[in-house]
Amino acid sequence: MGRMVKDYDKEDPFEIKTMEIPGGNIAHQAQVMAEEFRDMGTTKDELMNMFSNPFYGGLHMAFSQLGEESIGKIVSQVYENIQRLNVQELYNE
């Protein structure tokens, strides 16, 4: 499968960086990117649009290689995981 690599820029520590994950597991990379955008407040619909938009190189590479259905499952799982965590927190208070 494809590789996702971007040079590290010391001058901008807050810029999102894509990093190569050993073994080139594009599905895992898509999951990590989805989690990052979810944590920044991106909605599920916005994230799906970002994956399908060629402007977002890393996201779109994953979308192109895995397909819309697989990306949809990854995104759904990422948002499902945070909802489960929030429900568990309610019960622990």
C-alpha atoms as a PDB file:
ATOM      1  CA  MET A   1       0.000   0.000   0.000  1.00  0.00           C
ATOM      2  CA  GLY A   2       0.995   3.655  -0.149  1.00  0.00           C
ATOM      3  CA  ARG A   3       3.292   5.577   2.131  1.00  0.00           C
ATOM      4  CA  MET A   4       2.392   8.803   3.822  1.00  0.00           C
ATOM      5  CA  VAL A   5       5.486  10.879   4.628  1.00  0.00           C
ATOM      6  CA  LYS A   6       5.962  14.570   5.351  1.00  0.00           C
ATOM      7  CA  ASP A   7       9.149  16.325   6.460  1.00  0.00           C
ATOM      8  CA  TYR A   8       9.139  17.621  10.032  1.00  0.00           C
ATOM      9  CA  ASP A   9       9.097  21.415  10.279  1.00  0.00           C
ATOM     10  CA  LYS A  10      10.759  22.666  13.491  1.00  0.00           C
ATOM     11  CA  GLU A  11       9.418  26.174  12.903  1.00  0.00           C
ATOM     12  CA  ASP A  12       5.734  25.214  13.281  1.00  0.00           C
ATOM     13  CA  PRO A  13       5.216  22.844  16.219  1.00  0.00           C
ATOM     14  CA  PHE A  14       1.412  23.204  16.122  1.00  0.00           C
ATOM     15  CA  GLU A  15       0.965  22.249  12.483  1.00  0.00           C
ATOM     16  CA  ILE A  16      -0.557  18.804  12.028  1.00  0.00           C
ATOM     17  CA  LYS A  17       2.147  16.469  10.810  1.00  0.00           C
ATOM     18  CA  THR A  18       1.613  13.207   9.034  1.00  0.00           C
ATOM     19  CA  MET A  19       4.092  10.606  10.101  1.00  0.00           C
ATOM     20  CA  GLU A  20       5.005   7.330   8.506  1.00  0.00           C
ATOM     21  CA  ILE A  21       3.901   4.369  10.576  1.00  0.00           C
ATOM     22  CA  PRO A  22       6.237   1.383  10.164  1.00  0.00           C
ATOM     23  CA  GLY A  23       4.638  -1.269   8.010  1.00  0.00           C
ATOM     24  CA  GLY A  24       2.607   1.239   6.012  1.00  0.00           C
ATOM     25  CA  ASN A  25      -0.782   0.388   7.532  1.00  0.00           C
ATOM     26  CA  ILE A  26      -2.926   2.960   5.726  1.00  0.00           C
ATOM     27  CA  ALA A  27      -6.075   1.988   7.662  1.00  0.00           C
ATOM     28  CA  HIS A  28      -4.308   2.687  10.958  1.00  0.00           C
ATOM     29  CA  GLN A  29      -3.029   5.981   9.605  1.00  0.00           C
ATOM     30  CA  ALA A  30      -6.568   6.945   8.565  1.00  0.00           C
ATOM     31  CA  GLN A  31      -7.819   6.091  12.055  1.00  0.00           C
ATOM     32  CA  VAL A  32      -5.133   8.209  13.733  1.00  0.00           C
ATOM     33  CA  MET A  33      -5.853  11.172  11.443  1.00  0.00           C
ATOM     34  CA  ALA A  34      -9.598  10.815  12.063  1.00  0.00           C
ATOM     35  CA  GLU A  35      -9.016  10.791  15.832  1.00  0.00           C
ATOM     36  CA  GLU A  36      -6.898  13.951  15.588  1.00  0.00           C
ATOM     37  CA  PHE A  37      -9.551  15.855  13.631  1.00  0.00           C
ATOM     38  CA  ARG A  38     -12.329  14.537  15.901  1.00  0.00           C
ATOM     39  CA  ASP A  39     -10.410  15.787  18.938  1.00  0.00           C
ATOM     40  CA  MET A  40     -10.100  19.224  17.314  1.00  0.00           C
ATOM     41  CA  GLY A  41     -13.898  19.444  17.035  1.00  0.00           C
ATOM     42  CA  THR A  42     -14.433  18.369  13.444  1.00  0.00           C
ATOM     43  CA  THR A  43     -17.882  16.850  12.950  1.00  0.00           C
ATOM     44  CA  LYS A  44     -18.321  13.421  11.419  1.00  0.00           C
ATOM     45  CA  ASP A  45     -19.795  14.886   8.206  1.00  0.00           C
ATOM     46  CA  GLU A  46     -17.027  17.484   7.918  1.00  0.00           C
ATOM     47  CA  LEU A  47     -14.406  14.780   8.328  1.00  0.00           C
ATOM     48  CA  MET A  48     -15.944  12.574   5.635  1.00  0.00           C
ATOM     49  CA  ASN A  49     -15.942  15.588   3.301  1.00  0.00           C
ATOM     50  CA  MET A  50     -12.296  16.236   4.124  1.00  0.00           C
ATOM     51  CA  PHE A  51     -11.334  12.622   3.324  1.00  0.00           C
ATOM     52  CA  SER A  52     -13.040  12.882  -0.066  1.00  0.00           C
ATOM     53  CA  ASN A  53     -11.482  16.268  -0.913  1.00  0.00           C
ATOM     54  CA  PRO A  54      -8.140  16.146  -2.799  1.00  0.00           C
ATOM     55  CA  PHE A  55      -7.098  19.378  -1.023  1.00  0.00           C
ATOM     56  CA  TYR A  56      -6.391  17.292   2.096  1.00  0.00           C
ATOM     57  CA  GLY A  57      -3.534  15.188   0.722  1.00  0.00           C
ATOM     58  CA  GLY A  58      -3.025  12.634   3.488  1.00  0.00           C
ATOM     59  CA  LEU A  59      -6.717  12.136   4.139  1.00  0.00           C
ATOM     60  CA  HIS A  60      -7.486  11.868   0.442  1.00  0.00           C
ATOM     61  CA  MET A  61      -4.668   9.359  -0.123  1.00  0.00           C
ATOM     62  CA  ALA A  62      -6.274   7.085   2.468  1.00  0.00           C
ATOM     63  CA  PHE A  63      -9.708   7.668   0.911  1.00  0.00           C
ATOM     64  CA  SER A  64      -8.377   6.795  -2.553  1.00  0.00           C
ATOM     65  CA  GLN A  65      -6.645   3.621  -1.376  1.00  0.00           C
ATOM     66  CA  LEU A  66      -9.274   2.318   1.030  1.00  0.00           C
ATOM     67  CA  GLY A  67     -12.472   3.579  -0.594  1.00  0.00           C
ATOM     68  CA  GLU A  68     -15.451   5.481   0.746  1.00  0.00           C
ATOM     69  CA  GLU A  69     -17.013   2.505   2.529  1.00  0.00           C
ATOM     70  CA  SER A  70     -13.867   1.656   4.523  1.00  0.00           C
ATOM     71  CA  ILE A  71     -13.236   5.285   5.439  1.00  0.00           C
ATOM     72  CA  GLY A  72     -16.866   5.614   6.506  1.00  0.00           C
ATOM     73  CA  LYS A  73     -16.434   2.636   8.851  1.00  0.00           C
ATOM     74  CA  ILE A  74     -13.223   4.076  10.302  1.00  0.00           C
ATOM     75  CA  VAL A  75     -14.807   7.489  10.881  1.00  0.00           C
ATOM     76  CA  SER A  76     -17.918   5.958  12.436  1.00  0.00           C
ATOM     77  CA  GLN A  77     -15.799   3.843  14.765  1.00  0.00           C
ATOM     78  CA  VAL A  78     -13.719   6.834  15.824  1.00  0.00           C
ATOM     79  CA  TYR A  79     -16.815   8.843  16.748  1.00  0.00           C
ATOM     80  CA  GLU A  80     -18.474   5.821  18.362  1.00  0.00           C
ATOM     81  CA  ASN A  81     -15.448   5.318  20.619  1.00  0.00           C
ATOM     82  CA  ILE A  82     -15.618   8.855  22.008  1.00  0.00           C
ATOM     83  CA  GLN A  83     -19.363   8.553  22.649  1.00  0.00           C
ATOM     84  CA  ARG A  84     -18.834   5.342  24.602  1.00  0.00           C
ATOM     85  CA  LEU A  85     -16.124   7.011  26.664  1.00  0.00           C
ATOM     86  CA  ASN A  86     -18.422   9.940  27.450  1.00  0.00           C
ATOM     87  CA  VAL A  87     -21.219   7.605  28.568  1.00  0.00           C
ATOM     88  CA  GLN A  88     -18.818   5.706  30.815  1.00  0.00           C
ATOM     89  CA  GLU A  89     -17.673   8.980  32.388  1.00  0.00           C
ATOM     90  CA  LEU A  90     -21.285   9.782  33.312  1.00  0.00           C
ATOM     91  CA  TYR A  91     -21.630   6.520  35.202  1.00  0.00           C
ATOM     92  CA  ASN A  92     -18.338   7.033  37.034  1.00  0.00           C
ATOM     93  CA  GLU A  93     -19.225  10.453  38.451  1.00  0.00           C
END
